[in-house]
Amino acid sequence: MDELSRVSVATLFRDMAGQLGLQWVAGRDGGQRILSSETIQKPALALIGHLNFVHPNRVQVLGPAEMDYLRGLSESGLQEAIGQLFSSELAAIVVSNGETVPVFLSDGAERTETPLFTSTLASPVLVSYLGHYLT
């Protein structure tokens, strides 16, 4: 990615918060993280048995399927999934569809300084808008 196309998470939030209805709920100290060129992580690939597909410097969109998956895990399974999610140096996480942000997610975002946003928009709409913005 050349220097001109580098965008920080804070810049993305400033530019897109109104259009996407984004609320910044945790991890404000990570606002200077730089987004990569292939920056939107497809929602279902992230969690449902595919945490190895979560890549650094990307925005991870978590929709209803991913949130249901997390809520259904045992305590140890949840700790492992959250540990893997936040060990991947994500640029940011967006919880879509107006899903409630569970404490384990906001705590992980704060602990790792990973920006955590919410939006009422559906995951595919968010992925589309974010992908367009970042290209």
N, C-alpha and C. Protein backbone atom coordinates (compact mmCIF):
# COMPACT_ATOMS: atom_id res chain seq x y z
N MET A 1 0.86 -1.17 0.00
CA MET A 1 0.00 0.00 0.00
C MET A 1 0.90 1.22 0.00
N ASP A 2 0.67 2.15 -0.92
CA ASP A 2 1.52 3.33 -0.93
C ASP A 2 1.10 4.31 0.16
N GLU A 3 1.96 5.27 0.41
CA GLU A 3 1.77 6.20 1.53
C GLU A 3 0.47 6.99 1.40
N LEU A 4 0.08 7.31 0.16
CA LEU A 4 -1.12 8.13 -0.04
C LEU A 4 -2.40 7.39 0.30
N SER A 5 -2.38 6.06 0.22
CA SER A 5 -3.61 5.32 0.45
C SER A 5 -3.73 4.78 1.88
N ARG A 6 -2.81 5.17 2.75
CA ARG A 6 -2.87 4.71 4.13
C ARG A 6 -3.94 5.50 4.89
N VAL A 7 -4.81 4.77 5.56
CA VAL A 7 -5.91 5.39 6.29
C VAL A 7 -5.89 4.85 7.72
N SER A 8 -5.98 5.74 8.69
CA SER A 8 -6.06 5.28 10.07
C SER A 8 -7.50 4.95 10.42
N VAL A 9 -7.67 4.17 11.48
CA VAL A 9 -9.00 3.83 11.96
C VAL A 9 -9.76 5.09 12.37
N ALA A 10 -9.07 6.04 13.00
CA ALA A 10 -9.72 7.29 13.42
C ALA A 10 -10.24 8.07 12.22
N THR A 11 -9.47 8.07 11.12
CA THR A 11 -9.90 8.76 9.90
C THR A 11 -11.12 8.08 9.31
N LEU A 12 -11.09 6.75 9.25
CA LEU A 12 -12.24 5.99 8.77
C LEU A 12 -13.48 6.34 9.60
N PHE A 13 -13.33 6.35 10.92
CA PHE A 13 -14.46 6.67 11.79
C PHE A 13 -14.98 8.08 11.52
N ARG A 14 -14.07 9.04 11.43
CA ARG A 14 -14.47 10.42 11.18
C ARG A 14 -15.24 10.54 9.85
N ASP A 15 -14.74 9.86 8.84
CA ASP A 15 -15.33 9.98 7.50
C ASP A 15 -16.63 9.20 7.35
N MET A 16 -16.78 8.09 8.06
CA MET A 16 -17.89 7.18 7.81
C MET A 16 -18.91 7.06 8.94
N ALA A 17 -18.63 7.63 10.10
CA ALA A 17 -19.51 7.44 11.26
C ALA A 17 -20.95 7.84 10.96
N GLY A 18 -21.14 8.99 10.34
CA GLY A 18 -22.48 9.45 10.04
C GLY A 18 -23.21 8.55 9.07
N GLN A 19 -22.56 8.21 7.99
CA GLN A 19 -23.17 7.40 6.94
C GLN A 19 -23.49 5.98 7.42
N LEU A 20 -22.62 5.43 8.27
CA LEU A 20 -22.79 4.04 8.71
C LEU A 20 -23.40 3.93 10.10
N GLY A 21 -23.68 5.06 10.72
CA GLY A 21 -24.25 5.03 12.07
C GLY A 21 -23.30 4.40 13.08
N LEU A 22 -22.00 4.64 12.91
CA LEU A 22 -21.01 4.04 13.79
C LEU A 22 -20.96 4.73 15.14
N GLN A 23 -20.86 3.93 16.20
CA GLN A 23 -20.59 4.41 17.55
C GLN A 23 -19.28 3.76 17.98
N TRP A 24 -18.38 4.57 18.54
CA TRP A 24 -17.09 4.05 19.00
C TRP A 24 -17.25 3.69 20.46
N VAL A 25 -17.31 2.40 20.78
CA VAL A 25 -17.68 1.97 22.13
C VAL A 25 -16.51 1.52 23.00
N ALA A 26 -15.38 1.20 22.41
CA ALA A 26 -14.22 0.76 23.20
C ALA A 26 -12.96 0.85 22.34
N GLY A 27 -11.81 0.79 23.01
CA GLY A 27 -10.54 0.75 22.29
C GLY A 27 -10.14 2.05 21.62
N ARG A 28 -10.51 3.17 22.21
CA ARG A 28 -10.19 4.47 21.58
C ARG A 28 -8.70 4.72 21.41
N ASP A 29 -7.87 4.10 22.26
CA ASP A 29 -6.43 4.31 22.16
C ASP A 29 -5.83 3.71 20.90
N GLY A 30 -6.59 2.90 20.17
CA GLY A 30 -6.08 2.28 18.94
C GLY A 30 -6.45 3.03 17.67
N GLY A 31 -6.90 4.25 17.79
CA GLY A 31 -7.37 5.00 16.62
C GLY A 31 -6.33 5.26 15.56
N GLN A 32 -5.06 5.18 15.90
CA GLN A 32 -4.02 5.44 14.90
C GLN A 32 -3.60 4.19 14.13
N ARG A 33 -4.25 3.07 14.41
CA ARG A 33 -3.93 1.86 13.64
C ARG A 33 -4.21 2.11 12.16
N ILE A 34 -3.34 1.57 11.32
CA ILE A 34 -3.45 1.77 9.87
C ILE A 34 -4.15 0.57 9.25
N LEU A 35 -5.08 0.86 8.36
CA LEU A 35 -5.83 -0.19 7.66
C LEU A 35 -5.04 -0.68 6.47
N SER A 36 -5.12 -1.97 6.20
CA SER A 36 -4.45 -2.53 5.04
C SER A 36 -5.34 -2.37 3.81
N SER A 37 -4.77 -2.66 2.64
CA SER A 37 -5.52 -2.46 1.40
C SER A 37 -6.69 -3.43 1.28
N GLU A 38 -6.50 -4.67 1.70
CA GLU A 38 -7.60 -5.64 1.67
C GLU A 38 -8.15 -5.70 3.08
N THR A 39 -8.95 -4.72 3.41
CA THR A 39 -9.13 -4.45 4.83
C THR A 39 -10.39 -4.98 5.46
N ILE A 40 -11.37 -5.40 4.68
CA ILE A 40 -12.61 -5.86 5.29
C ILE A 40 -12.59 -7.38 5.38
N GLN A 41 -12.76 -7.87 6.58
CA GLN A 41 -12.77 -9.31 6.79
C GLN A 41 -14.21 -9.80 6.63
N LYS A 42 -14.41 -10.80 5.79
CA LYS A 42 -15.75 -11.35 5.60
C LYS A 42 -16.28 -11.87 6.93
N PRO A 43 -17.51 -11.55 7.27
CA PRO A 43 -18.02 -11.84 8.61
C PRO A 43 -17.88 -13.29 9.06
N ALA A 44 -18.44 -14.23 8.35
CA ALA A 44 -18.52 -15.60 8.86
C ALA A 44 -17.17 -16.28 8.93
N LEU A 45 -16.18 -15.83 8.15
CA LEU A 45 -14.88 -16.48 8.17
C LEU A 45 -14.16 -16.27 9.49
N ALA A 46 -14.53 -15.24 10.24
CA ALA A 46 -13.74 -14.84 11.39
C ALA A 46 -13.80 -15.82 12.52
N LEU A 47 -14.97 -16.30 12.83
CA LEU A 47 -15.14 -16.98 14.09
C LEU A 47 -15.54 -18.43 13.98
N ILE A 48 -16.42 -18.74 13.08
CA ILE A 48 -17.05 -20.05 13.12
C ILE A 48 -16.04 -21.09 12.67
N GLY A 49 -15.14 -21.41 13.60
CA GLY A 49 -14.13 -22.42 13.34
C GLY A 49 -13.03 -21.98 12.40
N HIS A 50 -12.96 -20.70 12.07
CA HIS A 50 -11.99 -20.24 11.08
C HIS A 50 -11.19 -19.05 11.58
N LEU A 51 -10.82 -19.06 12.84
CA LEU A 51 -10.08 -17.91 13.37
C LEU A 51 -8.73 -17.73 12.69
N ASN A 52 -8.22 -18.75 12.04
CA ASN A 52 -6.94 -18.60 11.35
C ASN A 52 -7.08 -17.69 10.12
N PHE A 53 -8.28 -17.33 9.72
CA PHE A 53 -8.48 -16.43 8.58
C PHE A 53 -8.51 -14.96 8.99
N VAL A 54 -8.44 -14.68 10.29
CA VAL A 54 -8.43 -13.29 10.74
C VAL A 54 -7.02 -12.76 10.51
N HIS A 55 -6.92 -11.65 9.81
CA HIS A 55 -5.62 -11.12 9.41
C HIS A 55 -5.34 -9.77 10.05
N PRO A 56 -4.06 -9.45 10.25
CA PRO A 56 -3.69 -8.14 10.82
C PRO A 56 -4.16 -6.98 9.95
N ASN A 57 -4.38 -5.85 10.59
CA ASN A 57 -4.69 -4.58 9.93
C ASN A 57 -6.00 -4.60 9.15
N ARG A 58 -6.92 -5.42 9.58
CA ARG A 58 -8.22 -5.48 8.90
C ARG A 58 -9.33 -5.07 9.84
N VAL A 59 -10.45 -4.75 9.24
CA VAL A 59 -11.67 -4.47 10.00
C VAL A 59 -12.47 -5.77 10.04
N GLN A 60 -12.78 -6.23 11.23
CA GLN A 60 -13.57 -7.45 11.39
C GLN A 60 -15.02 -7.07 11.67
N VAL A 61 -15.93 -7.49 10.80
CA VAL A 61 -17.35 -7.24 11.00
C VAL A 61 -17.97 -8.47 11.64
N LEU A 62 -18.62 -8.26 12.79
CA LEU A 62 -19.29 -9.35 13.50
C LEU A 62 -20.80 -9.11 13.44
N GLY A 63 -21.50 -10.01 12.78
CA GLY A 63 -22.95 -9.90 12.66
C GLY A 63 -23.66 -10.87 13.58
N PRO A 64 -24.95 -11.06 13.36
CA PRO A 64 -25.74 -11.94 14.24
C PRO A 64 -25.22 -13.37 14.32
N ALA A 65 -24.77 -13.94 13.20
CA ALA A 65 -24.28 -15.33 13.23
C ALA A 65 -23.05 -15.45 14.11
N GLU A 66 -22.12 -14.51 13.98
CA GLU A 66 -20.90 -14.55 14.77
C GLU A 66 -21.20 -14.30 16.25
N MET A 67 -22.11 -13.38 16.53
CA MET A 67 -22.45 -13.08 17.92
C MET A 67 -23.18 -14.27 18.56
N ASP A 68 -24.06 -14.92 17.79
CA ASP A 68 -24.74 -16.13 18.30
C ASP A 68 -23.72 -17.22 18.59
N TYR A 69 -22.75 -17.37 17.69
CA TYR A 69 -21.70 -18.36 17.89
C TYR A 69 -20.95 -18.09 19.20
N LEU A 70 -20.52 -16.84 19.39
CA LEU A 70 -19.79 -16.50 20.61
C LEU A 70 -20.63 -16.74 21.87
N ARG A 71 -21.89 -16.34 21.81
CA ARG A 71 -22.77 -16.50 22.97
C ARG A 71 -23.01 -17.97 23.30
N GLY A 72 -22.87 -18.84 22.31
CA GLY A 72 -23.11 -20.26 22.52
C GLY A 72 -21.92 -21.05 23.02
N LEU A 73 -20.76 -20.40 23.10
CA LEU A 73 -19.55 -21.09 23.53
C LEU A 73 -19.52 -21.29 25.04
N SER A 74 -18.82 -22.33 25.46
CA SER A 74 -18.55 -22.51 26.89
C SER A 74 -17.62 -21.38 27.34
N GLU A 75 -17.46 -21.22 28.63
CA GLU A 75 -16.59 -20.16 29.15
C GLU A 75 -15.16 -20.32 28.61
N SER A 76 -14.64 -21.54 28.63
CA SER A 76 -13.27 -21.75 28.14
C SER A 76 -13.19 -21.54 26.62
N GLY A 77 -14.22 -21.98 25.89
CA GLY A 77 -14.25 -21.79 24.45
C GLY A 77 -14.32 -20.31 24.09
N LEU A 78 -15.10 -19.57 24.86
CA LEU A 78 -15.23 -18.14 24.64
C LEU A 78 -13.90 -17.44 24.90
N GLN A 79 -13.24 -17.80 25.99
CA GLN A 79 -11.94 -17.20 26.30
C GLN A 79 -10.93 -17.46 25.19
N GLU A 80 -10.95 -18.68 24.66
CA GLU A 80 -10.03 -19.03 23.58
C GLU A 80 -10.34 -18.23 22.31
N ALA A 81 -11.63 -18.16 21.95
CA ALA A 81 -12.04 -17.44 20.73
C ALA A 81 -11.70 -15.95 20.84
N ILE A 82 -11.97 -15.35 21.98
CA ILE A 82 -11.68 -13.92 22.17
C ILE A 82 -10.16 -13.70 22.19
N GLY A 83 -9.44 -14.61 22.82
CA GLY A 83 -7.98 -14.51 22.82
C GLY A 83 -7.41 -14.54 21.42
N GLN A 84 -7.92 -15.44 20.59
CA GLN A 84 -7.46 -15.52 19.20
C GLN A 84 -7.86 -14.28 18.41
N LEU A 85 -9.08 -13.83 18.60
CA LEU A 85 -9.56 -12.65 17.88
C LEU A 85 -8.67 -11.44 18.16
N PHE A 86 -8.37 -11.22 19.42
CA PHE A 86 -7.60 -10.03 19.79
C PHE A 86 -6.09 -10.23 19.69
N SER A 87 -5.63 -11.44 19.41
CA SER A 87 -4.18 -11.63 19.23
C SER A 87 -3.78 -11.38 17.79
N SER A 88 -4.74 -11.10 16.92
CA SER A 88 -4.47 -11.02 15.49
C SER A 88 -4.16 -9.61 15.00
N GLU A 89 -4.02 -8.64 15.91
CA GLU A 89 -3.70 -7.26 15.52
C GLU A 89 -4.68 -6.70 14.51
N LEU A 90 -5.96 -6.91 14.76
CA LEU A 90 -6.98 -6.31 13.91
C LEU A 90 -6.87 -4.79 13.97
N ALA A 91 -7.24 -4.13 12.89
CA ALA A 91 -7.29 -2.67 12.92
C ALA A 91 -8.49 -2.22 13.73
N ALA A 92 -9.62 -2.90 13.56
CA ALA A 92 -10.86 -2.53 14.26
C ALA A 92 -11.87 -3.66 14.13
N ILE A 93 -12.88 -3.60 15.00
CA ILE A 93 -14.01 -4.53 14.95
C ILE A 93 -15.28 -3.71 14.88
N VAL A 94 -16.21 -4.14 14.03
CA VAL A 94 -17.53 -3.52 13.96
C VAL A 94 -18.57 -4.58 14.27
N VAL A 95 -19.38 -4.34 15.29
CA VAL A 95 -20.51 -5.21 15.61
C VAL A 95 -21.72 -4.63 14.87
N SER A 96 -22.26 -5.42 13.95
CA SER A 96 -23.30 -4.91 13.05
C SER A 96 -24.71 -5.27 13.54
N ASN A 97 -25.67 -4.88 12.75
CA ASN A 97 -27.08 -5.26 12.94
C ASN A 97 -27.65 -4.81 14.29
N GLY A 98 -27.05 -3.81 14.91
CA GLY A 98 -27.55 -3.35 16.20
C GLY A 98 -27.38 -4.35 17.32
N GLU A 99 -26.49 -5.34 17.12
CA GLU A 99 -26.23 -6.35 18.15
C GLU A 99 -25.68 -5.66 19.40
N THR A 100 -26.06 -6.16 20.56
CA THR A 100 -25.52 -5.66 21.81
C THR A 100 -24.08 -6.13 21.94
N VAL A 101 -23.20 -5.23 22.37
CA VAL A 101 -21.79 -5.59 22.56
C VAL A 101 -21.63 -6.23 23.94
N PRO A 102 -21.26 -7.50 23.98
CA PRO A 102 -21.06 -8.15 25.28
C PRO A 102 -19.81 -7.62 25.98
N VAL A 103 -19.80 -7.71 27.28
CA VAL A 103 -18.69 -7.20 28.08
C VAL A 103 -17.36 -7.83 27.66
N PHE A 104 -17.37 -9.13 27.36
CA PHE A 104 -16.11 -9.78 27.00
C PHE A 104 -15.49 -9.15 25.75
N LEU A 105 -16.32 -8.62 24.85
CA LEU A 105 -15.82 -8.00 23.64
C LEU A 105 -15.27 -6.60 23.93
N SER A 106 -16.02 -5.80 24.68
CA SER A 106 -15.53 -4.46 25.01
C SER A 106 -14.30 -4.52 25.91
N ASP A 107 -14.26 -5.48 26.83
CA ASP A 107 -13.08 -5.64 27.68
C ASP A 107 -11.85 -6.00 26.85
N GLY A 108 -12.02 -6.93 25.92
CA GLY A 108 -10.91 -7.32 25.04
C GLY A 108 -10.42 -6.16 24.20
N ALA A 109 -11.35 -5.35 23.69
CA ALA A 109 -10.99 -4.19 22.89
C ALA A 109 -10.20 -3.17 23.71
N GLU A 110 -10.65 -2.92 24.93
CA GLU A 110 -9.93 -2.00 25.80
C GLU A 110 -8.54 -2.53 26.14
N ARG A 111 -8.48 -3.79 26.49
CA ARG A 111 -7.21 -4.40 26.92
C ARG A 111 -6.17 -4.34 25.80
N THR A 112 -6.61 -4.54 24.55
CA THR A 112 -5.68 -4.59 23.42
C THR A 112 -5.67 -3.30 22.60
N GLU A 113 -6.39 -2.28 23.07
CA GLU A 113 -6.50 -1.00 22.35
C GLU A 113 -6.94 -1.21 20.91
N THR A 114 -7.92 -2.10 20.73
CA THR A 114 -8.50 -2.37 19.42
C THR A 114 -9.80 -1.57 19.29
N PRO A 115 -9.88 -0.63 18.35
CA PRO A 115 -11.13 0.12 18.20
C PRO A 115 -12.32 -0.82 17.95
N LEU A 116 -13.38 -0.58 18.72
CA LEU A 116 -14.60 -1.38 18.62
C LEU A 116 -15.77 -0.45 18.35
N PHE A 117 -16.42 -0.67 17.21
CA PHE A 117 -17.56 0.15 16.80
C PHE A 117 -18.82 -0.69 16.78
N THR A 118 -19.96 -0.02 16.85
CA THR A 118 -21.24 -0.66 16.59
C THR A 118 -21.93 0.08 15.46
N SER A 119 -22.82 -0.64 14.79
CA SER A 119 -23.64 -0.05 13.73
C SER A 119 -24.96 -0.81 13.68
N THR A 120 -26.01 -0.11 13.30
CA THR A 120 -27.30 -0.77 13.14
C THR A 120 -27.43 -1.39 11.75
N LEU A 121 -26.52 -1.08 10.84
CA LEU A 121 -26.58 -1.63 9.49
C LEU A 121 -26.26 -3.12 9.49
N ALA A 122 -26.77 -3.83 8.48
CA ALA A 122 -26.49 -5.25 8.31
C ALA A 122 -25.04 -5.45 7.85
N SER A 123 -24.47 -6.58 8.20
CA SER A 123 -23.07 -6.89 7.85
C SER A 123 -22.76 -6.70 6.37
N PRO A 124 -23.56 -7.24 5.44
CA PRO A 124 -23.22 -7.09 4.02
C PRO A 124 -23.19 -5.62 3.57
N VAL A 125 -24.07 -4.82 4.15
CA VAL A 125 -24.10 -3.40 3.81
C VAL A 125 -22.83 -2.71 4.32
N LEU A 126 -22.46 -3.02 5.55
CA LEU A 126 -21.22 -2.46 6.12
C LEU A 126 -20.01 -2.86 5.30
N VAL A 127 -19.90 -4.14 4.97
CA VAL A 127 -18.76 -4.63 4.19
C VAL A 127 -18.69 -3.89 2.86
N SER A 128 -19.84 -3.69 2.22
CA SER A 128 -19.88 -3.00 0.94
C SER A 128 -19.42 -1.55 1.07
N TYR A 129 -19.99 -0.82 2.02
CA TYR A 129 -19.61 0.59 2.22
C TYR A 129 -18.15 0.74 2.60
N LEU A 130 -17.68 -0.08 3.52
CA LEU A 130 -16.29 0.02 3.96
C LEU A 130 -15.33 -0.33 2.84
N GLY A 131 -15.67 -1.38 2.08
CA GLY A 131 -14.83 -1.76 0.95
C GLY A 131 -14.74 -0.65 -0.08
N HIS A 132 -15.87 0.00 -0.37
CA HIS A 132 -15.89 1.10 -1.32
C HIS A 132 -15.05 2.26 -0.81
N TYR A 133 -15.21 2.60 0.45
CA TYR A 133 -14.46 3.72 1.06
C TYR A 133 -12.96 3.49 0.97
N LEU A 134 -12.54 2.26 1.19
CA LEU A 134 -11.11 1.98 1.30
C LEU A 134 -10.43 1.67 -0.03
N THR A 135 -11.19 1.67 -1.12
CA THR A 135 -10.55 1.43 -2.43
C THR A 135 -10.37 2.70 -3.20
